[in-house]
Amino acid sequence: MDKEMYTHMSCNSDPSLIIDRGIALHKMIRLITHALGGEAYLNFIGNEFGHPEWLDFPRAGNNSSYWHARRQWNLVDDENLRYKYLSRFDAAMNVTEERVKWLCSDPAYVSCKHEGDKVIVFERAGLLFVFNFHGHQSFTDYRVGVETPGSYKVILDSDSSHFGGFNRLDPSTAYETYPEPWNNRRHSIKLYLPTRTGLILSNNPVEPIYP
């Protein structure tokens, strides 16, 4: 997000496509890393809310400066700034994992890596993870494969307004599977995938988690 972070992270500032894109990708990249990366996840003093500056201790190369030897925790506590949305999403992501335990489950099965659509789909811990990384294309009735049949609901949506998104999905919607194999999975499901959105869906009664 570069210099825009210093001028357009206020909730009262003019809309910025650069900030909107940065916030959306920040959430998606963290979620796909958390869910697909392995058996553990590490935050580093401030990156959970998108701290705008690097950490640099005094050394010869910076003239022994203390300027970047700090973390601006006040940014996430300021209700007028959009950093709060990134912090909320990070908290919701971790609470969701704590409840469903994907980090200690078997590795994910990736059923879709579509370069043209910029869509990634995988299953882990009985959950369906769907990511649309496309910069400007949303998809209606996008078919994805799923092994377990049933009625699926979104339990975490990076596009929720609670996380600084645009609320393009109705969290009460139930998505029914079809008995049609897709991408080497025994069943399939059709979803609306807004651009730059990451979703977790479950066919178990898990309510969306908004700390």
C-alpha atoms as a PDB file:
ATOM      1  CA  MET A   1       0.000   0.000   0.000  1.00  0.00           C
ATOM      2  CA  ASP A   2       3.125   2.160   0.169  1.00  0.00           C
ATOM      3  CA  LYS A   3       2.608   5.891   0.788  1.00  0.00           C
ATOM      4  CA  GLU A   4      -1.191   5.550   0.665  1.00  0.00           C
ATOM      5  CA  MET A   5      -1.024   4.074   4.178  1.00  0.00           C
ATOM      6  CA  TYR A   6      -0.068   7.509   5.483  1.00  0.00           C
ATOM      7  CA  THR A   7      -2.939   9.357   3.812  1.00  0.00           C
ATOM      8  CA  HIS A   8      -5.890   6.997   3.260  1.00  0.00           C
ATOM      9  CA  MET A   9      -6.138   4.640   6.243  1.00  0.00           C
ATOM     10  CA  SER A  10      -8.639   6.892   7.969  1.00  0.00           C
ATOM     11  CA  CYS A  11     -12.232   5.650   7.926  1.00  0.00           C
ATOM     12  CA  ASN A  12     -13.184   9.222   7.021  1.00  0.00           C
ATOM     13  CA  SER A  13     -10.770   9.705   4.112  1.00  0.00           C
ATOM     14  CA  ASP A  14     -11.715   9.499   0.444  1.00  0.00           C
ATOM     15  CA  PRO A  15     -11.972   5.949  -0.951  1.00  0.00           C
ATOM     16  CA  SER A  16      -8.719   4.532  -2.290  1.00  0.00           C
ATOM     17  CA  LEU A  17      -8.504   1.568  -4.659  1.00  0.00           C
ATOM     18  CA  ILE A  18      -4.927   1.005  -3.502  1.00  0.00           C
ATOM     19  CA  ILE A  19      -5.965   0.744   0.151  1.00  0.00           C
ATOM     20  CA  ASP A  20      -9.002  -1.413  -0.646  1.00  0.00           C
ATOM     21  CA  ARG A  21      -6.802  -3.793  -2.637  1.00  0.00           C
ATOM     22  CA  GLY A  22      -4.106  -3.860   0.038  1.00  0.00           C
ATOM     23  CA  ILE A  23      -6.514  -4.612   2.882  1.00  0.00           C
ATOM     24  CA  ALA A  24      -8.245  -7.350   0.874  1.00  0.00           C
ATOM     25  CA  LEU A  25      -4.978  -9.041  -0.100  1.00  0.00           C
ATOM     26  CA  HIS A  26      -3.544  -8.706   3.410  1.00  0.00           C
ATOM     27  CA  LYS A  27      -6.455 -10.730   4.797  1.00  0.00           C
ATOM     28  CA  MET A  28      -6.415 -13.311   2.009  1.00  0.00           C
ATOM     29  CA  ILE A  29      -2.669 -13.928   2.150  1.00  0.00           C
ATOM     30  CA  ARG A  30      -2.759 -14.398   5.903  1.00  0.00           C
ATOM     31  CA  LEU A  31      -5.696 -16.802   5.708  1.00  0.00           C
ATOM     32  CA  ILE A  32      -4.268 -18.979   2.933  1.00  0.00           C
ATOM     33  CA  THR A  33      -0.917 -19.114   4.747  1.00  0.00           C
ATOM     34  CA  HIS A  34      -2.606 -20.040   8.019  1.00  0.00           C
ATOM     35  CA  ALA A  35      -4.818 -22.728   6.494  1.00  0.00           C
ATOM     36  CA  LEU A  36      -2.487 -24.233   3.892  1.00  0.00           C
ATOM     37  CA  GLY A  37       0.974 -23.608   5.278  1.00  0.00           C
ATOM     38  CA  GLY A  38       1.470 -26.385   7.808  1.00  0.00           C
ATOM     39  CA  GLU A  39       1.097 -27.066  11.522  1.00  0.00           C
ATOM     40  CA  ALA A  40       1.790 -23.671  13.096  1.00  0.00           C
ATOM     41  CA  TYR A  41       1.338 -19.956  12.511  1.00  0.00           C
ATOM     42  CA  LEU A  42       3.388 -17.023  13.799  1.00  0.00           C
ATOM     43  CA  ASN A  43       2.493 -13.358  14.144  1.00  0.00           C
ATOM     44  CA  PHE A  44       5.242 -10.779  14.519  1.00  0.00           C
ATOM     45  CA  ILE A  45       4.627  -7.674  16.667  1.00  0.00           C
ATOM     46  CA  GLY A  46       2.234  -5.637  14.602  1.00  0.00           C
ATOM     47  CA  ASN A  47       1.832  -7.496  11.331  1.00  0.00           C
ATOM     48  CA  GLU A  48      -1.524  -8.796  12.563  1.00  0.00           C
ATOM     49  CA  PHE A  49      -2.945  -5.322  11.920  1.00  0.00           C
ATOM     50  CA  GLY A  50      -0.725  -4.294   9.011  1.00  0.00           C
ATOM     51  CA  HIS A  51       1.794  -2.103  10.831  1.00  0.00           C
ATOM     52  CA  PRO A  52       2.915   0.439   8.205  1.00  0.00           C
ATOM     53  CA  GLU A  53       6.624   0.543   9.000  1.00  0.00           C
ATOM     54  CA  TRP A  54       9.471  -1.909   9.330  1.00  0.00           C
ATOM     55  CA  LEU A  55      11.409  -2.753  12.486  1.00  0.00           C
ATOM     56  CA  ASP A  56      15.016  -1.546  12.459  1.00  0.00           C
ATOM     57  CA  PHE A  57      17.242  -1.292  15.518  1.00  0.00           C
ATOM     58  CA  PRO A  58      20.064   1.249  15.829  1.00  0.00           C
ATOM     59  CA  ARG A  59      23.066   0.285  13.710  1.00  0.00           C
ATOM     60  CA  ALA A  60      25.800   1.856  11.631  1.00  0.00           C
ATOM     61  CA  GLY A  61      23.711   1.629   8.466  1.00  0.00           C
ATOM     62  CA  ASN A  62      20.951   3.884   9.867  1.00  0.00           C
ATOM     63  CA  ASN A  63      23.191   6.271  11.815  1.00  0.00           C
ATOM     64  CA  SER A  64      22.224   4.598  15.102  1.00  0.00           C
ATOM     65  CA  SER A  65      18.637   5.787  14.699  1.00  0.00           C
ATOM     66  CA  TYR A  66      15.854   4.659  17.031  1.00  0.00           C
ATOM     67  CA  TRP A  67      13.132   5.952  14.695  1.00  0.00           C
ATOM     68  CA  HIS A  68      12.061   2.512  13.458  1.00  0.00           C
ATOM     69  CA  ALA A  69      12.871   0.662  16.695  1.00  0.00           C
ATOM     70  CA  ARG A  70       9.228   0.883  17.733  1.00  0.00           C
ATOM     71  CA  ARG A  71       5.725  -0.442  17.176  1.00  0.00           C
ATOM     72  CA  GLN A  72       2.799   1.975  16.903  1.00  0.00           C
ATOM     73  CA  TRP A  73       0.191   0.057  18.893  1.00  0.00           C
ATOM     74  CA  ASN A  74      -1.963   3.177  18.989  1.00  0.00           C
ATOM     75  CA  LEU A  75      -2.873   2.621  15.327  1.00  0.00           C
ATOM     76  CA  VAL A  76      -4.949  -0.481  15.988  1.00  0.00           C
ATOM     77  CA  ASP A  77      -6.645   1.114  19.010  1.00  0.00           C
ATOM     78  CA  ASP A  78      -7.809   4.157  17.040  1.00  0.00           C
ATOM     79  CA  GLU A  79     -11.421   3.558  15.951  1.00  0.00           C
ATOM     80  CA  ASN A  80     -11.013   6.159  13.207  1.00  0.00           C
ATOM     81  CA  LEU A  81      -8.369   4.091  11.397  1.00  0.00           C
ATOM     82  CA  ARG A  82      -8.814   1.035   9.195  1.00  0.00           C
ATOM     83  CA  TYR A  83      -6.077  -0.949  10.921  1.00  0.00           C
ATOM     84  CA  LYS A  84      -8.783  -2.174  13.286  1.00  0.00           C
ATOM     85  CA  TYR A  85     -10.325  -4.214  10.459  1.00  0.00           C
ATOM     86  CA  LEU A  86      -7.123  -6.156   9.865  1.00  0.00           C
ATOM     87  CA  SER A  87      -6.798  -6.836  13.581  1.00  0.00           C
ATOM     88  CA  ARG A  88     -10.397  -8.065  13.777  1.00  0.00           C
ATOM     89  CA  PHE A  89      -9.857 -10.430  10.885  1.00  0.00           C
ATOM     90  CA  ASP A  90      -6.665 -11.806  12.385  1.00  0.00           C
ATOM     91  CA  ALA A  91      -8.470 -12.451  15.672  1.00  0.00           C
ATOM     92  CA  ALA A  92     -11.436 -14.106  13.948  1.00  0.00           C
ATOM     93  CA  MET A  93      -9.113 -16.279  11.872  1.00  0.00           C
ATOM     94  CA  ASN A  94      -7.280 -17.518  14.957  1.00  0.00           C
ATOM     95  CA  VAL A  95     -10.462 -18.098  16.951  1.00  0.00           C
ATOM     96  CA  THR A  96     -11.936 -20.042  14.024  1.00  0.00           C
ATOM     97  CA  GLU A  97      -8.850 -22.254  13.867  1.00  0.00           C
ATOM     98  CA  GLU A  98      -8.971 -22.797  17.618  1.00  0.00           C
ATOM     99  CA  ARG A  99     -12.510 -24.112  17.295  1.00  0.00           C
ATOM    100  CA  VAL A 100     -12.086 -26.354  14.251  1.00  0.00           C
ATOM    101  CA  LYS A 101      -8.371 -27.281  14.634  1.00  0.00           C
ATOM    102  CA  TRP A 102      -7.104 -27.264  11.059  1.00  0.00           C
ATOM    103  CA  LEU A 103      -3.466 -26.770  12.091  1.00  0.00           C
ATOM    104  CA  CYS A 104      -3.360 -30.194  13.748  1.00  0.00           C
ATOM    105  CA  SER A 105      -5.367 -31.932  11.022  1.00  0.00           C
ATOM    106  CA  ASP A 106      -4.094 -33.773   7.958  1.00  0.00           C
ATOM    107  CA  PRO A 107      -2.624 -31.687   5.118  1.00  0.00           C
ATOM    108  CA  ALA A 108      -5.097 -29.969   2.830  1.00  0.00           C
ATOM    109  CA  TYR A 109      -6.332 -31.436  -0.434  1.00  0.00           C
ATOM    110  CA  VAL A 110      -6.036 -28.762  -3.116  1.00  0.00           C
ATOM    111  CA  SER A 111      -8.682 -29.427  -5.764  1.00  0.00           C
ATOM    112  CA  CYS A 112      -8.355 -26.249  -7.825  1.00  0.00           C
ATOM    113  CA  LYS A 113      -5.508 -23.920  -8.802  1.00  0.00           C
ATOM    114  CA  HIS A 114      -6.939 -22.013 -11.756  1.00  0.00           C
ATOM    115  CA  GLU A 115      -4.354 -19.617 -13.155  1.00  0.00           C
ATOM    116  CA  GLY A 116      -6.776 -17.777 -15.432  1.00  0.00           C
ATOM    117  CA  ASP A 117      -9.523 -17.304 -12.852  1.00  0.00           C
ATOM    118  CA  LYS A 118      -7.012 -16.770 -10.012  1.00  0.00           C
ATOM    119  CA  VAL A 119      -9.067 -19.169  -7.880  1.00  0.00           C
ATOM    120  CA  ILE A 120      -7.671 -21.609  -5.302  1.00  0.00           C
ATOM    121  CA  VAL A 121      -9.853 -24.224  -3.592  1.00  0.00           C
ATOM    122  CA  PHE A 122      -8.877 -26.761  -0.957  1.00  0.00           C
ATOM    123  CA  GLU A 123     -10.341 -28.818   1.875  1.00  0.00           C
ATOM    124  CA  ARG A 124      -8.893 -29.291   5.318  1.00  0.00           C
ATOM    125  CA  ALA A 125     -10.329 -30.395   8.664  1.00  0.00           C
ATOM    126  CA  GLY A 126     -13.721 -30.932   7.043  1.00  0.00           C
ATOM    127  CA  LEU A 127     -13.852 -27.314   5.858  1.00  0.00           C
ATOM    128  CA  LEU A 128     -13.944 -25.854   2.367  1.00  0.00           C
ATOM    129  CA  PHE A 129     -11.552 -22.957   1.684  1.00  0.00           C
ATOM    130  CA  VAL A 130     -12.131 -20.856  -1.429  1.00  0.00           C
ATOM    131  CA  PHE A 131     -10.038 -17.885  -2.600  1.00  0.00           C
ATOM    132  CA  ASN A 132     -10.657 -15.576  -5.536  1.00  0.00           C
ATOM    133  CA  PHE A 133      -7.477 -13.551  -6.060  1.00  0.00           C
ATOM    134  CA  HIS A 134      -8.675 -12.006  -9.319  1.00  0.00           C
ATOM    135  CA  GLY A 135      -8.186  -8.247  -9.377  1.00  0.00           C
ATOM    136  CA  HIS A 136     -11.468  -7.315 -11.048  1.00  0.00           C
ATOM    137  CA  GLN A 137     -13.480 -10.458 -11.864  1.00  0.00           C
ATOM    138  CA  SER A 138     -16.182 -11.823  -9.582  1.00  0.00           C
ATOM    139  CA  PHE A 139     -17.784 -15.158 -10.442  1.00  0.00           C
ATOM    140  CA  THR A 140     -21.421 -16.228 -10.232  1.00  0.00           C
ATOM    141  CA  ASP A 141     -22.310 -19.922  -9.827  1.00  0.00           C
ATOM    142  CA  TYR A 142     -18.645 -20.905  -9.769  1.00  0.00           C
ATOM    143  CA  ARG A 143     -18.471 -24.681  -9.432  1.00  0.00           C
ATOM    144  CA  VAL A 144     -15.942 -26.142  -7.009  1.00  0.00           C
ATOM    145  CA  GLY A 145     -15.383 -29.718  -5.957  1.00  0.00           C
ATOM    146  CA  VAL A 146     -16.059 -30.993  -2.460  1.00  0.00           C
ATOM    147  CA  GLU A 147     -15.713 -34.485  -1.053  1.00  0.00           C
ATOM    148  CA  THR A 148     -18.432 -34.415   1.606  1.00  0.00           C
ATOM    149  CA  PRO A 149     -22.030 -33.705   0.566  1.00  0.00           C
ATOM    150  CA  GLY A 150     -24.366 -31.487   2.522  1.00  0.00           C
ATOM    151  CA  SER A 151     -25.488 -27.937   3.086  1.00  0.00           C
ATOM    152  CA  TYR A 152     -22.587 -25.494   3.438  1.00  0.00           C
ATOM    153  CA  LYS A 153     -22.520 -22.062   5.048  1.00  0.00           C
ATOM    154  CA  VAL A 154     -19.800 -19.427   5.197  1.00  0.00           C
ATOM    155  CA  ILE A 155     -18.199 -19.275   8.648  1.00  0.00           C
ATOM    156  CA  LEU A 156     -15.472 -16.749   7.794  1.00  0.00           C
ATOM    157  CA  ASP A 157     -15.692 -14.154   5.024  1.00  0.00           C
ATOM    158  CA  SER A 158     -12.814 -11.755   4.415  1.00  0.00           C
ATOM    159  CA  ASP A 159     -15.230  -9.449   2.563  1.00  0.00           C
ATOM    160  CA  SER A 160     -17.435  -8.873   5.620  1.00  0.00           C
ATOM    161  CA  SER A 161     -17.847  -5.213   6.560  1.00  0.00           C
ATOM    162  CA  HIS A 162     -16.785  -6.244  10.071  1.00  0.00           C
ATOM    163  CA  PHE A 163     -13.342  -6.709   8.525  1.00  0.00           C
ATOM    164  CA  GLY A 164     -13.408  -3.649   6.280  1.00  0.00           C
ATOM    165  CA  GLY A 165     -14.912  -5.462   3.285  1.00  0.00           C
ATOM    166  CA  PHE A 166     -17.923  -4.762   1.097  1.00  0.00           C
ATOM    167  CA  ASN A 167     -20.471  -7.326   2.384  1.00  0.00           C
ATOM    168  CA  ARG A 168     -21.063  -8.871  -1.020  1.00  0.00           C
ATOM    169  CA  LEU A 169     -22.178 -12.199   0.456  1.00  0.00           C
ATOM    170  CA  ASP A 170     -25.207 -12.993   2.602  1.00  0.00           C
ATOM    171  CA  PRO A 171     -23.930 -15.007   5.605  1.00  0.00           C
ATOM    172  CA  SER A 172     -27.316 -16.708   6.009  1.00  0.00           C
ATOM    173  CA  THR A 173     -27.144 -18.340   2.566  1.00  0.00           C
ATOM    174  CA  ALA A 174     -26.931 -22.140   2.505  1.00  0.00           C
ATOM    175  CA  TYR A 175     -25.154 -23.765  -0.440  1.00  0.00           C
ATOM    176  CA  GLU A 176     -26.331 -27.265  -1.310  1.00  0.00           C
ATOM    177  CA  THR A 177     -24.005 -29.773  -2.928  1.00  0.00           C
ATOM    178  CA  TYR A 178     -24.714 -31.500  -6.230  1.00  0.00           C
ATOM    179  CA  PRO A 179     -24.066 -35.230  -6.819  1.00  0.00           C
ATOM    180  CA  GLU A 180     -21.771 -34.274  -9.694  1.00  0.00           C
ATOM    181  CA  PRO A 181     -18.025 -34.978  -9.424  1.00  0.00           C
ATOM    182  CA  TRP A 182     -15.696 -32.041 -10.010  1.00  0.00           C
ATOM    183  CA  ASN A 183     -11.916 -31.681  -9.866  1.00  0.00           C
ATOM    184  CA  ASN A 184     -11.447 -35.221  -8.524  1.00  0.00           C
ATOM    185  CA  ARG A 185     -13.996 -34.709  -5.735  1.00  0.00           C
ATOM    186  CA  ARG A 186     -17.164 -36.775  -5.463  1.00  0.00           C
ATOM    187  CA  HIS A 187     -19.511 -33.797  -5.214  1.00  0.00           C
ATOM    188  CA  SER A 188     -19.626 -30.158  -6.226  1.00  0.00           C
ATOM    189  CA  ILE A 189     -21.101 -26.870  -5.122  1.00  0.00           C
ATOM    190  CA  LYS A 190     -21.814 -23.558  -6.842  1.00  0.00           C
ATOM    191  CA  LEU A 191     -20.722 -20.328  -5.177  1.00  0.00           C
ATOM    192  CA  TYR A 192     -20.674 -16.612  -5.760  1.00  0.00           C
ATOM    193  CA  LEU A 193     -17.025 -15.553  -5.504  1.00  0.00           C
ATOM    194  CA  PRO A 194     -16.491 -11.800  -5.190  1.00  0.00           C
ATOM    195  CA  THR A 195     -13.172 -10.481  -6.392  1.00  0.00           C
ATOM    196  CA  ARG A 196     -10.331 -10.542  -3.838  1.00  0.00           C
ATOM    197  CA  THR A 197     -12.229 -12.576  -1.264  1.00  0.00           C
ATOM    198  CA  GLY A 198     -11.313 -15.562   0.898  1.00  0.00           C
ATOM    199  CA  LEU A 199     -14.009 -17.827   2.346  1.00  0.00           C
ATOM    200  CA  ILE A 200     -14.264 -20.721   4.765  1.00  0.00           C
ATOM    201  CA  LEU A 201     -17.392 -22.863   4.449  1.00  0.00           C
ATOM    202  CA  SER A 202     -18.600 -25.659   6.693  1.00  0.00           C
ATOM    203  CA  ASN A 203     -21.380 -28.221   6.466  1.00  0.00           C
ATOM    204  CA  ASN A 204     -21.471 -28.436  10.258  1.00  0.00           C
ATOM    205  CA  PRO A 205     -23.419 -25.988  12.446  1.00  0.00           C
ATOM    206  CA  VAL A 206     -20.578 -23.532  13.119  1.00  0.00           C
ATOM    207  CA  GLU A 207     -21.686 -19.935  13.544  1.00  0.00           C
ATOM    208  CA  PRO A 208     -19.585 -17.119  12.048  1.00  0.00           C
ATOM    209  CA  ILE A 209     -17.072 -15.901  14.604  1.00  0.00           C
ATOM    210  CA  TYR A 210     -16.747 -12.159  15.109  1.00  0.00           C
ATOM    211  CA  PRO A 211     -14.772 -11.481  18.316  1.00  0.00           C
END
